[in-house]
Amino acid sequence: MSIYGEYHTTLTTLLTEVQRRILAANQEMQQNGQPKLFEHLIGRVKTPASMEEKCLRKGYPVTTTSALRKCKDAVGIRIVCNFIDDIDRCLKYFKHASWCSIIQEKDYIKNAKPNGYRSYHIILDVVTPHVDIDGHTPGHYFIEVQLRTIAMDSWASLEHEMKYKHNIANPQRIEKELKRCADQLASCDVQMQTIRQLINAAD
């Protein structure tokens, strides 16, 4: 039996519904003659095994309640934007959306992690027509959204690949190079944003 119990199907349905809403907002933005909010997005329901491991790591009981209430990332969406200010535009969209509310924000762009990781994380409380674990209809479910630029996402993919490699030669050197690369990409993001602003100012 999955740690998600009877709610596993609901989580998959919820992911599909939320992705549809976000994609529609992106399309509407372009139809109105504005730059698209993001380049692409990807979503997933955390595997039951990964959720069980997280509960154990956090010291939570391995239960459906822990998976859906104490942990808030059973459903996750990563939104990859072209420019830094597109992340701000996405945040504005979520803050004004009627179907969700932001209950937590972590800005790893202004406050990058020591290893160089940069991203903006939000937790959404999503209102759905589906019953939730508390027996409420409409129900409330949590979704973690990660907002990144293409540069941030490329770096995170490389760092993730390294994390799961074993017997790496010179790991300290690689970590140092990754940090330097993160700093260079951060500078590049700022330069790209400046160029975009200059182009738009010329209109």
C-alpha atoms as a PDB file:
ATOM      1  CA  MET A   1       0.000   0.000   0.000  1.00  0.00           C
ATOM      2  CA  SER A   2       1.414   3.402  -1.010  1.00  0.00           C
ATOM      3  CA  ILE A   3       2.170   5.914   1.735  1.00  0.00           C
ATOM      4  CA  TYR A   4      -0.317   8.166  -0.087  1.00  0.00           C
ATOM      5  CA  GLY A   5      -3.102   5.639   0.432  1.00  0.00           C
ATOM      6  CA  GLU A   6      -6.342   6.453  -1.363  1.00  0.00           C
ATOM      7  CA  TYR A   7      -5.027   9.935  -2.250  1.00  0.00           C
ATOM      8  CA  HIS A   8      -2.354   8.774  -4.702  1.00  0.00           C
ATOM      9  CA  THR A   9      -4.659   9.130  -7.712  1.00  0.00           C
ATOM     10  CA  THR A  10      -5.848  12.520  -6.465  1.00  0.00           C
ATOM     11  CA  LEU A  11      -2.248  13.773  -6.331  1.00  0.00           C
ATOM     12  CA  THR A  12      -1.694  12.767  -9.962  1.00  0.00           C
ATOM     13  CA  THR A  13      -4.950  14.427 -11.004  1.00  0.00           C
ATOM     14  CA  LEU A  14      -4.043  17.552  -9.041  1.00  0.00           C
ATOM     15  CA  LEU A  15      -0.656  17.778 -10.737  1.00  0.00           C
ATOM     16  CA  THR A  16      -2.289  17.601 -14.159  1.00  0.00           C
ATOM     17  CA  GLU A  17      -4.872  20.243 -13.258  1.00  0.00           C
ATOM     18  CA  VAL A  18      -2.335  22.703 -11.839  1.00  0.00           C
ATOM     19  CA  GLN A  19       0.041  22.285 -14.769  1.00  0.00           C
ATOM     20  CA  ARG A  20      -2.878  23.001 -17.110  1.00  0.00           C
ATOM     21  CA  ARG A  21      -3.680  26.212 -15.225  1.00  0.00           C
ATOM     22  CA  ILE A  22      -0.076  27.425 -15.353  1.00  0.00           C
ATOM     23  CA  LEU A  23       0.346  26.579 -19.034  1.00  0.00           C
ATOM     24  CA  ALA A  24      -2.909  28.407 -19.812  1.00  0.00           C
ATOM     25  CA  ALA A  25      -1.664  31.499 -17.971  1.00  0.00           C
ATOM     26  CA  ASN A  26       1.544  31.396 -20.014  1.00  0.00           C
ATOM     27  CA  GLN A  27      -0.410  31.142 -23.256  1.00  0.00           C
ATOM     28  CA  GLU A  28      -2.758  33.949 -22.261  1.00  0.00           C
ATOM     29  CA  MET A  29       0.194  36.192 -21.494  1.00  0.00           C
ATOM     30  CA  GLN A  30       1.580  35.676 -24.994  1.00  0.00           C
ATOM     31  CA  GLN A  31      -1.815  36.164 -26.641  1.00  0.00           C
ATOM     32  CA  ASN A  32      -1.979  39.547 -24.899  1.00  0.00           C
ATOM     33  CA  GLY A  33       1.290  40.548 -26.546  1.00  0.00           C
ATOM     34  CA  GLN A  34       3.445  40.147 -23.444  1.00  0.00           C
ATOM     35  CA  PRO A  35       6.580  38.021 -23.019  1.00  0.00           C
ATOM     36  CA  LYS A  36       5.888  34.463 -21.929  1.00  0.00           C
ATOM     37  CA  LEU A  37       6.109  33.790 -18.213  1.00  0.00           C
ATOM     38  CA  PHE A  38       8.401  30.806 -18.582  1.00  0.00           C
ATOM     39  CA  GLU A  39      10.214  28.617 -21.101  1.00  0.00           C
ATOM     40  CA  HIS A  40       9.031  25.232 -19.827  1.00  0.00           C
ATOM     41  CA  LEU A  41       7.859  23.394 -16.739  1.00  0.00           C
ATOM     42  CA  ILE A  42       8.076  19.880 -15.388  1.00  0.00           C
ATOM     43  CA  GLY A  43       6.065  18.248 -12.627  1.00  0.00           C
ATOM     44  CA  ARG A  44       6.092  15.075 -10.605  1.00  0.00           C
ATOM     45  CA  VAL A  45       4.444  13.276  -7.727  1.00  0.00           C
ATOM     46  CA  LYS A  46       7.207  12.240  -5.330  1.00  0.00           C
ATOM     47  CA  THR A  47       7.566   8.467  -5.410  1.00  0.00           C
ATOM     48  CA  PRO A  48       6.214   6.654  -2.338  1.00  0.00           C
ATOM     49  CA  ALA A  49       9.721   5.355  -1.577  1.00  0.00           C
ATOM     50  CA  SER A  50      11.186   8.880  -1.654  1.00  0.00           C
ATOM     51  CA  MET A  51       8.378  10.182   0.556  1.00  0.00           C
ATOM     52  CA  GLU A  52       8.891   7.370   3.052  1.00  0.00           C
ATOM     53  CA  GLU A  53      12.621   8.149   3.143  1.00  0.00           C
ATOM     54  CA  LYS A  54      11.890  11.822   3.754  1.00  0.00           C
ATOM     55  CA  CYS A  55       9.501  11.064   6.608  1.00  0.00           C
ATOM     56  CA  LEU A  56      12.128   8.872   8.259  1.00  0.00           C
ATOM     57  CA  ARG A  57      14.824  11.504   7.726  1.00  0.00           C
ATOM     58  CA  LYS A  58      12.626  14.206   9.257  1.00  0.00           C
ATOM     59  CA  GLY A  59      11.579  12.013  12.171  1.00  0.00           C
ATOM     60  CA  TYR A  60       7.932  11.905  11.089  1.00  0.00           C
ATOM     61  CA  PRO A  61       5.721   8.814  11.333  1.00  0.00           C
ATOM     62  CA  VAL A  62       5.589   7.025   7.979  1.00  0.00           C
ATOM     63  CA  THR A  63       1.901   7.750   7.441  1.00  0.00           C
ATOM     64  CA  THR A  64      -0.359   9.329   4.853  1.00  0.00           C
ATOM     65  CA  THR A  65      -0.930  12.274   7.188  1.00  0.00           C
ATOM     66  CA  SER A  66       2.818  12.924   7.388  1.00  0.00           C
ATOM     67  CA  ALA A  67       3.123  12.656   3.600  1.00  0.00           C
ATOM     68  CA  LEU A  68       0.304  15.109   2.883  1.00  0.00           C
ATOM     69  CA  ARG A  69       0.464  17.487   5.824  1.00  0.00           C
ATOM     70  CA  LYS A  70       3.895  17.527   7.493  1.00  0.00           C
ATOM     71  CA  CYS A  71       5.710  17.193   4.167  1.00  0.00           C
ATOM     72  CA  LYS A  72       4.503  19.728   1.637  1.00  0.00           C
ATOM     73  CA  ASP A  73       6.193  18.490  -1.519  1.00  0.00           C
ATOM     74  CA  ALA A  74       4.288  15.337  -2.460  1.00  0.00           C
ATOM     75  CA  VAL A  75       3.496  17.253  -5.641  1.00  0.00           C
ATOM     76  CA  GLY A  76       6.278  19.344  -7.129  1.00  0.00           C
ATOM     77  CA  ILE A  77       6.524  21.620 -10.164  1.00  0.00           C
ATOM     78  CA  ARG A  78       9.682  23.205 -11.549  1.00  0.00           C
ATOM     79  CA  ILE A  79       9.188  26.291 -13.708  1.00  0.00           C
ATOM     80  CA  VAL A  80      12.163  27.349 -15.827  1.00  0.00           C
ATOM     81  CA  CYS A  81      12.192  30.989 -16.939  1.00  0.00           C
ATOM     82  CA  ASN A  82      14.341  32.882 -19.426  1.00  0.00           C
ATOM     83  CA  PHE A  83      15.095  35.883 -17.225  1.00  0.00           C
ATOM     84  CA  ILE A  84      15.186  36.784 -13.549  1.00  0.00           C
ATOM     85  CA  ASP A  85      12.298  39.225 -13.831  1.00  0.00           C
ATOM     86  CA  ASP A  86      10.165  36.431 -15.314  1.00  0.00           C
ATOM     87  CA  ILE A  87      10.471  34.715 -11.938  1.00  0.00           C
ATOM     88  CA  ASP A  88       9.008  37.854 -10.353  1.00  0.00           C
ATOM     89  CA  ARG A  89       6.185  37.797 -12.914  1.00  0.00           C
ATOM     90  CA  CYS A  90       5.442  34.161 -12.090  1.00  0.00           C
ATOM     91  CA  LEU A  91       5.361  35.007  -8.391  1.00  0.00           C
ATOM     92  CA  LYS A  92       2.916  37.821  -9.101  1.00  0.00           C
ATOM     93  CA  TYR A  93       0.718  35.370 -10.997  1.00  0.00           C
ATOM     94  CA  PHE A  94       0.604  32.919  -8.095  1.00  0.00           C
ATOM     95  CA  LYS A  95      -0.033  35.671  -5.551  1.00  0.00           C
ATOM     96  CA  HIS A  96      -3.106  36.826  -7.484  1.00  0.00           C
ATOM     97  CA  ALA A  97      -4.438  33.385  -8.455  1.00  0.00           C
ATOM     98  CA  SER A  98      -7.847  32.546  -6.996  1.00  0.00           C
ATOM     99  CA  TRP A  99      -7.210  28.793  -6.863  1.00  0.00           C
ATOM    100  CA  CYS A 100      -4.207  28.852  -4.528  1.00  0.00           C
ATOM    101  CA  SER A 101      -2.367  30.824  -1.873  1.00  0.00           C
ATOM    102  CA  ILE A 102       1.339  31.013  -1.081  1.00  0.00           C
ATOM    103  CA  ILE A 103       2.019  29.830   2.451  1.00  0.00           C
ATOM    104  CA  GLN A 104       5.814  29.695   2.340  1.00  0.00           C
ATOM    105  CA  GLU A 105       8.609  31.344   0.343  1.00  0.00           C
ATOM    106  CA  LYS A 106      12.345  30.684   0.265  1.00  0.00           C
ATOM    107  CA  ASP A 107      14.504  32.980  -1.837  1.00  0.00           C
ATOM    108  CA  TYR A 108      17.680  31.126  -2.782  1.00  0.00           C
ATOM    109  CA  ILE A 109      18.381  33.668  -5.526  1.00  0.00           C
ATOM    110  CA  LYS A 110      19.165  36.618  -3.267  1.00  0.00           C
ATOM    111  CA  ASN A 111      20.390  34.193  -0.588  1.00  0.00           C
ATOM    112  CA  ALA A 112      22.122  31.414  -2.513  1.00  0.00           C
ATOM    113  CA  LYS A 113      23.048  28.234  -0.675  1.00  0.00           C
ATOM    114  CA  PRO A 114      26.738  27.871   0.265  1.00  0.00           C
ATOM    115  CA  ASN A 115      27.340  25.464  -2.635  1.00  0.00           C
ATOM    116  CA  GLY A 116      25.986  28.009  -5.130  1.00  0.00           C
ATOM    117  CA  TYR A 117      22.442  26.653  -5.555  1.00  0.00           C
ATOM    118  CA  ARG A 118      20.008  29.352  -6.674  1.00  0.00           C
ATOM    119  CA  SER A 119      16.236  29.055  -7.045  1.00  0.00           C
ATOM    120  CA  TYR A 120      13.021  30.506  -5.637  1.00  0.00           C
ATOM    121  CA  HIS A 121      10.838  28.037  -3.752  1.00  0.00           C
ATOM    122  CA  ILE A 122       7.206  28.516  -2.820  1.00  0.00           C
ATOM    123  CA  ILE A 123       4.659  26.238  -1.193  1.00  0.00           C
ATOM    124  CA  LEU A 124       1.129  26.581  -2.528  1.00  0.00           C
ATOM    125  CA  ASP A 125      -2.028  25.683  -0.655  1.00  0.00           C
ATOM    126  CA  VAL A 126      -4.256  24.587  -3.523  1.00  0.00           C
ATOM    127  CA  VAL A 127      -8.042  24.469  -3.282  1.00  0.00           C
ATOM    128  CA  THR A 128      -9.469  21.480  -5.171  1.00  0.00           C
ATOM    129  CA  PRO A 129     -12.891  19.851  -5.657  1.00  0.00           C
ATOM    130  CA  HIS A 130     -11.362  16.645  -4.288  1.00  0.00           C
ATOM    131  CA  VAL A 131     -11.769  15.547  -0.677  1.00  0.00           C
ATOM    132  CA  ASP A 132      -8.591  15.978   1.346  1.00  0.00           C
ATOM    133  CA  ILE A 133      -7.099  13.934   4.178  1.00  0.00           C
ATOM    134  CA  ASP A 134      -8.986  16.055   6.724  1.00  0.00           C
ATOM    135  CA  GLY A 135     -12.280  15.073   5.097  1.00  0.00           C
ATOM    136  CA  HIS A 136     -12.920  18.532   3.663  1.00  0.00           C
ATOM    137  CA  THR A 137     -14.517  19.221   0.284  1.00  0.00           C
ATOM    138  CA  PRO A 138     -13.302  21.404  -1.380  1.00  0.00           C
ATOM    139  CA  GLY A 139     -10.005  19.953  -0.252  1.00  0.00           C
ATOM    140  CA  HIS A 140      -6.644  21.567   0.372  1.00  0.00           C
ATOM    141  CA  TYR A 141      -3.391  20.116  -0.941  1.00  0.00           C
ATOM    142  CA  PHE A 142       0.177  21.416  -0.874  1.00  0.00           C
ATOM    143  CA  ILE A 143       2.391  21.840  -3.926  1.00  0.00           C
ATOM    144  CA  GLU A 144       6.030  22.886  -3.964  1.00  0.00           C
ATOM    145  CA  VAL A 145       6.983  25.141  -6.887  1.00  0.00           C
ATOM    146  CA  GLN A 146      10.597  25.841  -7.807  1.00  0.00           C
ATOM    147  CA  LEU A 147      11.238  28.878 -10.009  1.00  0.00           C
ATOM    148  CA  ARG A 148      14.569  29.103 -11.844  1.00  0.00           C
ATOM    149  CA  THR A 149      16.226  30.642 -14.857  1.00  0.00           C
ATOM    150  CA  ILE A 150      17.666  28.364 -17.524  1.00  0.00           C
ATOM    151  CA  ALA A 151      21.161  29.007 -16.127  1.00  0.00           C
ATOM    152  CA  MET A 152      20.090  28.097 -12.585  1.00  0.00           C
ATOM    153  CA  ASP A 153      18.400  24.933 -13.823  1.00  0.00           C
ATOM    154  CA  SER A 154      21.435  23.811 -15.836  1.00  0.00           C
ATOM    155  CA  TRP A 155      23.666  24.259 -12.799  1.00  0.00           C
ATOM    156  CA  ALA A 156      21.235  22.407 -10.517  1.00  0.00           C
ATOM    157  CA  SER A 157      21.091  19.492 -12.962  1.00  0.00           C
ATOM    158  CA  LEU A 158      24.871  19.206 -12.967  1.00  0.00           C
ATOM    159  CA  GLU A 159      25.059  19.424  -9.176  1.00  0.00           C
ATOM    160  CA  HIS A 160      22.323  16.790  -8.866  1.00  0.00           C
ATOM    161  CA  GLU A 161      24.229  14.473 -11.208  1.00  0.00           C
ATOM    162  CA  MET A 162      27.361  14.802  -9.094  1.00  0.00           C
ATOM    163  CA  LYS A 163      25.437  14.109  -5.875  1.00  0.00           C
ATOM    164  CA  TYR A 164      24.481  10.639  -7.049  1.00  0.00           C
ATOM    165  CA  LYS A 165      27.856   9.689  -8.510  1.00  0.00           C
ATOM    166  CA  HIS A 166      30.092   7.498  -6.381  1.00  0.00           C
ATOM    167  CA  ASN A 167      33.876   7.313  -6.248  1.00  0.00           C
ATOM    168  CA  ILE A 168      34.377  10.744  -7.816  1.00  0.00           C
ATOM    169  CA  ALA A 169      38.016  11.778  -8.107  1.00  0.00           C
ATOM    170  CA  ASN A 170      38.830  15.157  -6.526  1.00  0.00           C
ATOM    171  CA  PRO A 171      35.314  15.939  -5.158  1.00  0.00           C
ATOM    172  CA  GLN A 172      36.637  19.049  -3.374  1.00  0.00           C
ATOM    173  CA  ARG A 173      37.927  20.459  -6.653  1.00  0.00           C
ATOM    174  CA  ILE A 174      34.614  19.739  -8.374  1.00  0.00           C
ATOM    175  CA  GLU A 175      32.691  21.472  -5.577  1.00  0.00           C
ATOM    176  CA  LYS A 176      34.985  24.484  -5.895  1.00  0.00           C
ATOM    177  CA  GLU A 177      34.502  24.579  -9.673  1.00  0.00           C
ATOM    178  CA  LEU A 178      30.732  24.233  -9.260  1.00  0.00           C
ATOM    179  CA  LYS A 179      30.660  27.174  -6.876  1.00  0.00           C
ATOM    180  CA  ARG A 180      32.714  29.293  -9.261  1.00  0.00           C
ATOM    181  CA  CYS A 181      30.426  28.273 -12.120  1.00  0.00           C
ATOM    182  CA  ALA A 182      27.364  29.231 -10.051  1.00  0.00           C
ATOM    183  CA  ASP A 183      28.836  32.695  -9.432  1.00  0.00           C
ATOM    184  CA  GLN A 184      29.566  33.161 -13.128  1.00  0.00           C
ATOM    185  CA  LEU A 185      26.063  32.067 -14.114  1.00  0.00           C
ATOM    186  CA  ALA A 186      24.555  34.444 -11.561  1.00  0.00           C
ATOM    187  CA  SER A 187      26.520  37.279 -13.139  1.00  0.00           C
ATOM    188  CA  CYS A 188      25.379  36.141 -16.581  1.00  0.00           C
ATOM    189  CA  ASP A 189      21.732  36.164 -15.465  1.00  0.00           C
ATOM    190  CA  VAL A 190      22.106  39.761 -14.290  1.00  0.00           C
ATOM    191  CA  GLN A 191      23.790  40.772 -17.555  1.00  0.00           C
ATOM    192  CA  MET A 192      21.066  39.115 -19.630  1.00  0.00           C
ATOM    193  CA  GLN A 193      18.423  40.910 -17.569  1.00  0.00           C
ATOM    194  CA  THR A 194      20.176  44.245 -18.119  1.00  0.00           C
ATOM    195  CA  ILE A 195      20.342  43.654 -21.883  1.00  0.00           C
ATOM    196  CA  ARG A 196      16.644  42.819 -21.952  1.00  0.00           C
ATOM    197  CA  GLN A 197      15.808  46.017 -20.081  1.00  0.00           C
ATOM    198  CA  LEU A 198      17.897  48.067 -22.504  1.00  0.00           C
ATOM    199  CA  ILE A 199      16.138  46.478 -25.473  1.00  0.00           C
ATOM    200  CA  ASN A 200      12.706  47.167 -23.980  1.00  0.00           C
ATOM    201  CA  ALA A 201      13.676  50.745 -23.109  1.00  0.00           C
ATOM    202  CA  ALA A 202      14.395  51.358 -26.778  1.00  0.00           C
ATOM    203  CA  ASP A 203      10.783  50.628 -27.780  1.00  0.00           C
END
